[in-house]
């Protein structure tokens, strides 16, 4: 009995473990992983294939990613801080704030983490030569605070806000590097002029370089759109799962205001939209003989999305929605992992 008690104390009562749970460590690791996947497997490989290289230093990119992860962590803290009442109904076993960690500590941690994150963001923006870039992080911090207090109680707005923030994760990782590439384009092309055959015009090489950058940007936006749509699906599913607590405490989520069956239909609609966009990409893949990507999309993303659409119709219990929420997270991971296959197919070509 004593052993069980000490084991229980360590895992449940240990403030450190409680804090790790509060900031959702696995999600934070996925955020960092996503940004590095975009950096190396999308931006880096596109540049590398054409003989160019990344310009943002490893340290600066690490700091950009650290800042992103810290803002997300602070967002989770403040969200749980304002959600204690609702969570007593929705997920009574998972409450941390006020139970294992004092409310005042949470508020303090949220302020400290955001302050450091913003300071880092300002430093990175300064290194990029454009201090205004730090507005992205500033607005993200403000939005997460506002979300916790206000947006999450509004129909669909809360879902869209979280989805925009999710889309910013891959976007920022690609955008910062592309800004530097653009700023140094003339130098890059001048250096490249040494390697191209005699008599090639500067403008021709510049045009080629600009097309590469544009192509990278389109892929980064593609990954961001994927993050946006899959997050909307997951958020709506989670709202259906949390129906009871939200209804009791006046959170006007989609299922609370318009009913569970309409909320399901919206989630299914977004999933079908994703399947259609992916289907268009698959059509392009077939045209360019990229069978590997086609198969990956089919088995790792399309079929799972179809499964979610199908299972949503049947779902009744809280556990059903909980499972579907996890499946959606796995589809998100499949989307990020595609970037590595993408690198591989680029270097094969």
Protein backbone atom coordinates (compact mmCIF):
# COMPACT_ATOMS: atom_id res chain seq x y z
CA UNK A 1 0.00 0.00 0.00
CA UNK A 2 2.81 2.36 0.92
CA UNK A 3 4.50 1.81 -2.43
CA UNK A 4 1.36 2.64 -4.31
CA UNK A 5 0.96 5.82 -2.28
CA UNK A 6 4.49 7.05 -3.01
CA UNK A 7 4.12 6.10 -6.69
CA UNK A 8 0.82 7.97 -6.78
CA UNK A 9 2.34 10.95 -5.01
CA UNK A 10 5.23 11.14 -7.44
CA UNK A 11 3.16 10.91 -10.58
CA UNK A 12 0.10 12.85 -9.59
CA UNK A 13 1.21 15.25 -6.90
CA UNK A 14 4.69 16.13 -8.10
CA UNK A 15 4.35 19.79 -9.18
CA UNK A 16 6.95 19.29 -11.89
CA UNK A 17 4.99 16.46 -13.50
CA UNK A 18 1.79 18.46 -13.07
CA UNK A 19 3.40 21.43 -14.82
CA UNK A 20 4.62 19.24 -17.70
CA UNK A 21 1.03 18.01 -18.11
CA UNK A 22 -0.32 21.54 -17.89
CA UNK A 23 1.85 22.81 -20.77
CA UNK A 24 0.99 19.70 -22.90
CA UNK A 25 4.58 18.67 -23.58
CA UNK A 26 3.74 16.23 -26.44
CA UNK A 27 1.91 19.00 -28.32
CA UNK A 28 4.84 21.37 -27.82
CA UNK A 29 7.24 18.78 -29.23
CA UNK A 30 4.97 18.36 -32.26
CA UNK A 31 5.02 22.15 -32.78
CA UNK A 32 8.84 22.24 -32.73
CA UNK A 33 9.00 19.15 -34.95
CA UNK A 34 6.62 20.76 -37.46
CA UNK A 35 8.76 23.89 -37.71
CA UNK A 36 11.97 21.91 -38.20
CA UNK A 37 10.25 19.71 -40.80
CA UNK A 38 9.28 22.83 -42.75
CA UNK A 39 12.80 24.26 -42.40
CA UNK A 40 14.75 21.23 -43.57
CA UNK A 41 12.34 19.03 -45.50
CA UNK A 42 10.47 21.77 -47.39
CA UNK A 43 12.47 25.00 -47.57
CA UNK A 44 15.93 23.48 -47.17
CA UNK A 45 15.46 20.66 -49.64
CA UNK A 46 13.90 22.91 -52.31
CA UNK A 47 16.84 25.28 -52.03
CA UNK A 48 19.37 22.44 -51.81
CA UNK A 49 18.15 20.69 -54.94
CA UNK A 50 18.76 23.91 -56.88
CA UNK A 51 22.16 24.51 -55.31
CA UNK A 52 21.15 27.21 -52.81
CA UNK A 53 21.32 27.10 -49.01
CA UNK A 54 19.41 28.19 -45.91
CA UNK A 55 20.36 31.66 -44.68
CA UNK A 56 18.79 31.79 -41.22
CA UNK A 57 21.34 30.58 -38.65
CA UNK A 58 20.59 27.44 -36.64
CA UNK A 59 20.56 29.52 -33.45
CA UNK A 60 18.11 32.09 -34.82
CA UNK A 61 15.78 29.39 -36.11
CA UNK A 62 15.99 27.56 -32.79
CA UNK A 63 15.06 30.80 -31.02
CA UNK A 64 12.13 31.36 -33.39
CA UNK A 65 10.89 27.86 -32.66
CA UNK A 66 11.48 28.25 -28.91
CA UNK A 67 9.46 31.45 -28.94
CA UNK A 68 6.61 29.67 -30.78
CA UNK A 69 6.64 26.76 -28.33
CA UNK A 70 6.69 29.08 -25.29
CA UNK A 71 3.73 31.10 -26.57
CA UNK A 72 1.81 27.83 -27.07
CA UNK A 73 2.73 26.67 -23.55
CA UNK A 74 1.57 29.98 -22.03
CA UNK A 75 -1.61 29.65 -24.10
CA UNK A 76 -2.32 26.21 -22.62
CA UNK A 77 -1.73 27.55 -19.10
CA UNK A 78 -4.05 30.55 -19.45
CA UNK A 79 -6.65 28.40 -21.18
CA UNK A 80 -6.74 25.93 -18.29
CA UNK A 81 -6.68 28.78 -15.79
CA UNK A 82 -9.95 30.17 -17.12
CA UNK A 83 -11.41 26.74 -17.77
CA UNK A 84 -11.32 25.17 -14.32
CA UNK A 85 -15.10 25.26 -13.80
CA UNK A 86 -15.96 23.85 -17.22
CA UNK A 87 -13.28 21.17 -16.90
CA UNK A 88 -14.81 19.92 -13.65
CA UNK A 89 -17.66 18.67 -15.82
CA UNK A 90 -15.77 17.86 -19.03
CA UNK A 91 -12.57 16.21 -17.77
CA UNK A 92 -12.71 15.92 -13.96
CA UNK A 93 -9.75 13.54 -13.77
CA UNK A 94 -7.43 15.88 -15.66
CA UNK A 95 -7.75 19.05 -13.63
CA UNK A 96 -4.38 20.50 -12.64
CA UNK A 97 -4.92 24.21 -12.00
CA UNK A 98 -5.99 24.90 -8.43
CA UNK A 99 -5.53 21.24 -7.53
CA UNK A 100 -1.81 20.53 -8.03
CA UNK A 101 -0.64 23.96 -9.10
CA UNK A 102 -1.78 27.18 -7.44
CA UNK A 103 -3.84 29.53 -9.58
CA UNK A 104 -1.54 32.45 -8.80
CA UNK A 105 1.48 30.44 -9.95
CA UNK A 106 -0.26 29.74 -13.28
CA UNK A 107 -1.02 33.40 -13.86
CA UNK A 108 2.58 34.30 -13.01
CA UNK A 109 4.03 31.55 -15.21
CA UNK A 110 1.84 32.68 -18.10
CA UNK A 111 3.14 36.26 -17.81
CA UNK A 112 6.79 35.25 -17.41
CA UNK A 113 6.77 32.71 -20.26
CA UNK A 114 5.07 35.16 -22.64
CA UNK A 115 7.43 37.98 -21.71
CA UNK A 116 10.50 35.84 -22.42
CA UNK A 117 8.93 34.48 -25.63
CA UNK A 118 8.18 37.99 -26.87
CA UNK A 119 11.68 39.22 -25.99
CA UNK A 120 13.13 36.32 -28.02
CA UNK A 121 10.77 37.13 -30.90
CA UNK A 122 11.88 40.77 -30.91
CA UNK A 123 15.51 39.64 -30.99
CA UNK A 124 14.89 37.28 -33.92
CA UNK A 125 12.90 39.95 -35.80
CA UNK A 126 15.78 42.39 -35.22
CA UNK A 127 18.27 39.83 -36.58
CA UNK A 128 16.02 39.41 -39.62
CA UNK A 129 16.27 43.14 -40.22
CA UNK A 130 12.57 43.73 -39.71
CA UNK A 131 11.43 44.44 -36.15
CA UNK A 132 7.78 44.52 -37.30
CA UNK A 133 7.89 40.73 -37.66
CA UNK A 134 7.58 40.48 -33.86
CA UNK A 135 3.98 41.66 -34.31
CA UNK A 136 3.18 38.06 -35.31
CA UNK A 137 4.17 36.80 -31.85
CA UNK A 138 2.68 39.81 -30.09
CA UNK A 139 -0.69 39.27 -31.75
CA UNK A 140 -0.54 35.52 -31.11
CA UNK A 141 -0.03 36.14 -27.38
CA UNK A 142 -2.91 38.64 -27.29
CA UNK A 143 -5.15 36.35 -29.29
CA UNK A 144 -4.54 33.38 -26.98
CA UNK A 145 -5.39 35.51 -23.95
CA UNK A 146 -8.52 36.84 -25.63
CA UNK A 147 -9.41 33.36 -26.77
CA UNK A 148 -9.31 32.01 -23.21
CA UNK A 149 -11.45 34.83 -21.88
CA UNK A 150 -13.83 35.45 -24.72
CA UNK A 151 -13.54 33.79 -28.15
CA UNK A 152 -13.81 30.19 -27.02
CA UNK A 153 -17.31 30.90 -25.79
CA UNK A 154 -18.42 32.11 -29.24
CA UNK A 155 -19.76 29.94 -32.06
CA UNK A 156 -17.03 28.87 -34.49
CA UNK A 157 -14.90 31.99 -33.82
CA UNK A 158 -12.99 30.07 -31.17
CA UNK A 159 -12.40 27.17 -33.55
CA UNK A 160 -11.21 29.46 -36.34
CA UNK A 161 -8.89 31.38 -33.99
CA UNK A 162 -7.16 28.18 -32.81
CA UNK A 163 -6.95 26.99 -36.42
CA UNK A 164 -5.28 30.25 -37.52
CA UNK A 165 -2.73 29.92 -34.73
CA UNK A 166 -2.10 26.29 -35.75
CA UNK A 167 -1.56 27.42 -39.36
CA UNK A 168 0.95 30.04 -38.19
CA UNK A 169 3.25 27.30 -36.86
CA UNK A 170 4.42 25.96 -40.26
CA UNK A 171 3.91 29.37 -41.89
CA UNK A 172 6.30 31.29 -39.64
CA UNK A 173 8.98 28.59 -40.04
CA UNK A 174 8.95 29.03 -43.82
CA UNK A 175 8.16 32.74 -44.00
CA UNK A 176 11.14 33.96 -41.95
CA UNK A 177 13.60 32.02 -44.09
CA UNK A 178 11.96 33.26 -47.30
CA UNK A 179 12.19 36.88 -46.13
CA UNK A 180 15.95 36.46 -45.69
CA UNK A 181 16.25 34.74 -49.07
CA UNK A 182 14.38 37.61 -50.68
CA UNK A 183 16.49 40.24 -48.92
CA UNK A 184 19.69 38.54 -50.12
CA UNK A 185 18.45 37.60 -53.59
CA UNK A 186 20.87 39.86 -55.47
CA UNK A 187 23.89 38.49 -53.59
CA UNK A 188 22.69 34.92 -54.02
CA UNK A 189 22.24 35.35 -57.77
CA UNK A 190 25.61 37.11 -58.11
CA UNK A 191 27.34 34.15 -56.45
CA UNK A 192 25.37 31.73 -58.63
CA UNK A 193 26.56 33.59 -61.74
CA UNK A 194 30.01 32.04 -61.22
CA UNK A 195 28.57 28.54 -61.57
CA UNK A 196 26.24 28.95 -64.53
CA UNK A 197 27.54 28.73 -68.09
CA UNK A 198 29.15 31.81 -69.70
CA UNK A 199 26.76 34.30 -71.23
CA UNK A 200 23.78 33.55 -68.96
CA UNK A 201 21.96 36.77 -68.13
CA UNK A 202 21.69 37.92 -64.50
CA UNK A 203 17.96 38.45 -64.99
CA UNK A 204 17.42 34.87 -66.15
CA UNK A 205 19.08 33.46 -63.05
CA UNK A 206 17.15 35.93 -60.86
CA UNK A 207 13.88 34.84 -62.48
CA UNK A 208 14.73 31.20 -61.84
CA UNK A 209 15.58 31.98 -58.20
CA UNK A 210 12.33 33.92 -57.74
CA UNK A 211 10.37 30.99 -59.15
CA UNK A 212 12.04 28.64 -56.67
CA UNK A 213 11.15 30.98 -53.78
CA UNK A 214 7.58 31.25 -55.05
CA UNK A 215 7.29 27.49 -55.31
CA UNK A 216 8.57 27.11 -51.72
CA UNK A 217 6.05 29.70 -50.54
CA UNK A 218 3.20 27.79 -52.18
CA UNK A 219 4.22 24.59 -50.39
CA UNK A 220 4.54 26.37 -47.05
CA UNK A 221 1.05 27.82 -47.52
CA UNK A 222 -0.16 24.34 -48.48
CA UNK A 223 1.11 22.88 -45.20
CA UNK A 224 -0.42 25.83 -43.32
CA UNK A 225 -3.80 25.27 -44.98
CA UNK A 226 -3.59 21.59 -44.05
CA UNK A 227 -2.91 22.59 -40.43
CA UNK A 228 -5.79 25.09 -40.53
CA UNK A 229 -8.43 22.69 -41.84
CA UNK A 230 -7.42 19.68 -39.76
CA UNK A 231 -7.40 21.86 -36.62
CA UNK A 232 -10.94 23.08 -37.35
CA UNK A 233 -12.12 19.47 -37.62
CA UNK A 234 -10.40 18.53 -34.37
CA UNK A 235 -11.70 21.60 -32.51
CA UNK A 236 -15.30 20.90 -33.52
CA UNK A 237 -14.97 17.24 -32.50
CA UNK A 238 -13.58 18.34 -29.13
CA UNK A 239 -16.50 20.76 -28.71
CA UNK A 240 -18.96 17.91 -29.26
CA UNK A 241 -16.99 15.86 -26.71
CA UNK A 242 -17.16 18.76 -24.20
CA UNK A 243 -20.86 19.44 -24.81
CA UNK A 244 -22.02 18.90 -21.21
CA UNK A 245 -19.65 21.27 -19.43
CA UNK A 246 -19.91 23.92 -22.15
CA UNK A 247 -23.70 23.85 -22.01
CA UNK A 248 -23.75 24.09 -18.23
CA UNK A 249 -21.40 27.09 -18.10
CA UNK A 250 -22.70 29.02 -21.09
CA UNK A 251 -19.96 28.40 -23.63
CA UNK A 252 -21.74 29.05 -26.91
CA UNK A 253 -19.88 26.47 -28.98
CA UNK A 254 -21.21 25.13 -32.27
CA UNK A 255 -22.82 21.96 -30.78
CA UNK A 256 -24.28 23.93 -27.83
CA UNK A 257 -25.89 26.59 -30.04
CA UNK A 258 -26.84 24.59 -33.13
CA UNK A 259 -26.90 21.03 -31.83
CA UNK A 260 -24.53 18.08 -32.10
CA UNK A 261 -25.80 16.84 -35.43
CA UNK A 262 -25.14 20.14 -37.21
CA UNK A 263 -21.69 20.37 -35.58
CA UNK A 264 -20.95 16.87 -36.91
CA UNK A 265 -22.04 17.91 -40.39
CA UNK A 266 -19.77 20.97 -40.32
CA UNK A 267 -16.79 18.83 -39.25
CA UNK A 268 -17.64 16.31 -41.97
CA UNK A 269 -17.96 19.14 -44.50
CA UNK A 270 -14.48 20.45 -43.67
CA UNK A 271 -13.08 16.90 -43.88
CA UNK A 272 -14.66 16.42 -47.32
CA UNK A 273 -13.24 19.79 -48.43
CA UNK A 274 -9.79 18.60 -47.32
CA UNK A 275 -10.26 15.36 -49.22
CA UNK A 276 -11.14 17.31 -52.35
CA UNK A 277 -8.09 19.58 -52.12
CA UNK A 278 -5.89 16.54 -51.49
CA UNK A 279 -7.58 14.78 -54.39
CA UNK A 280 -6.58 17.64 -56.67
CA UNK A 281 -2.98 17.33 -55.45
CA UNK A 282 -3.14 13.59 -56.06
CA UNK A 283 -4.29 14.27 -59.63
CA UNK A 284 -1.17 16.45 -60.07
CA UNK A 285 0.94 13.67 -58.54
CA UNK A 286 -0.36 11.15 -61.08
CA UNK A 287 0.36 13.56 -63.93
CA UNK A 288 3.94 13.96 -62.71
CA UNK A 289 4.33 10.19 -62.09
CA UNK A 290 4.83 10.69 -58.36
CA UNK A 291 3.27 7.35 -57.38
CA UNK A 292 4.90 7.32 -53.94
CA UNK A 293 3.27 10.62 -52.92
CA UNK A 294 -0.03 9.47 -54.40
CA UNK A 295 0.00 6.29 -52.31
CA UNK A 296 1.08 8.15 -49.20
CA UNK A 297 -1.76 10.66 -49.57
CA UNK A 298 -4.22 7.85 -50.17
CA UNK A 299 -3.31 5.62 -47.23
CA UNK A 300 -1.92 8.07 -44.68
CA UNK A 301 -4.39 10.93 -45.19
CA UNK A 302 -7.35 10.31 -47.51
CA UNK A 303 -8.53 6.97 -46.12
CA UNK A 304 -8.12 8.16 -42.48
CA UNK A 305 -10.11 11.32 -43.32
CA UNK A 306 -12.81 9.21 -44.93
CA UNK A 307 -12.85 7.04 -41.83
CA UNK A 308 -13.38 10.13 -39.65
CA UNK A 309 -16.28 11.30 -41.84
CA UNK A 310 -17.83 7.83 -41.60
CA UNK A 311 -17.25 7.41 -37.85
CA UNK A 312 -18.61 10.87 -37.04
CA UNK A 313 -22.03 9.79 -38.29
CA UNK A 314 -22.01 6.81 -35.93
CA UNK A 315 -20.43 8.53 -32.90
CA UNK A 316 -22.68 8.81 -29.84
CA UNK A 317 -20.63 8.61 -26.65
CA UNK A 318 -17.99 10.93 -25.25
CA UNK A 319 -15.35 8.22 -25.81
CA UNK A 320 -16.24 8.06 -29.52
CA UNK A 321 -15.43 11.75 -29.95
CA UNK A 322 -12.32 11.43 -27.82
CA UNK A 323 -11.03 8.68 -30.15
CA UNK A 324 -11.88 10.72 -33.25
CA UNK A 325 -10.01 13.70 -31.82
CA UNK A 326 -6.92 11.50 -31.43
CA UNK A 327 -7.30 10.16 -34.99
CA UNK A 328 -7.42 13.72 -36.29
CA UNK A 329 -4.18 14.45 -34.44
CA UNK A 330 -2.60 11.43 -36.15
CA UNK A 331 -3.71 12.70 -39.55
CA UNK A 332 -2.02 16.03 -38.72
CA UNK A 333 1.15 14.10 -37.96
CA UNK A 334 0.86 12.23 -41.28
CA UNK A 335 0.63 15.59 -43.00
CA UNK A 336 3.84 16.82 -41.39
CA UNK A 337 5.64 13.54 -42.07
CA UNK A 338 4.83 13.90 -45.77
CA UNK A 339 7.46 16.64 -45.93
CA UNK A 340 10.17 13.99 -45.53
CA UNK A 341 8.82 11.86 -48.35
CA UNK A 342 8.66 15.08 -50.31
CA UNK A 343 12.40 15.73 -49.73
CA UNK A 344 13.12 12.19 -50.83
CA UNK A 345 11.09 12.54 -54.04
CA UNK A 346 12.78 15.88 -54.83
CA UNK A 347 16.26 14.36 -54.64
CA UNK A 348 15.16 11.30 -56.63
CA UNK A 349 13.94 13.38 -59.54
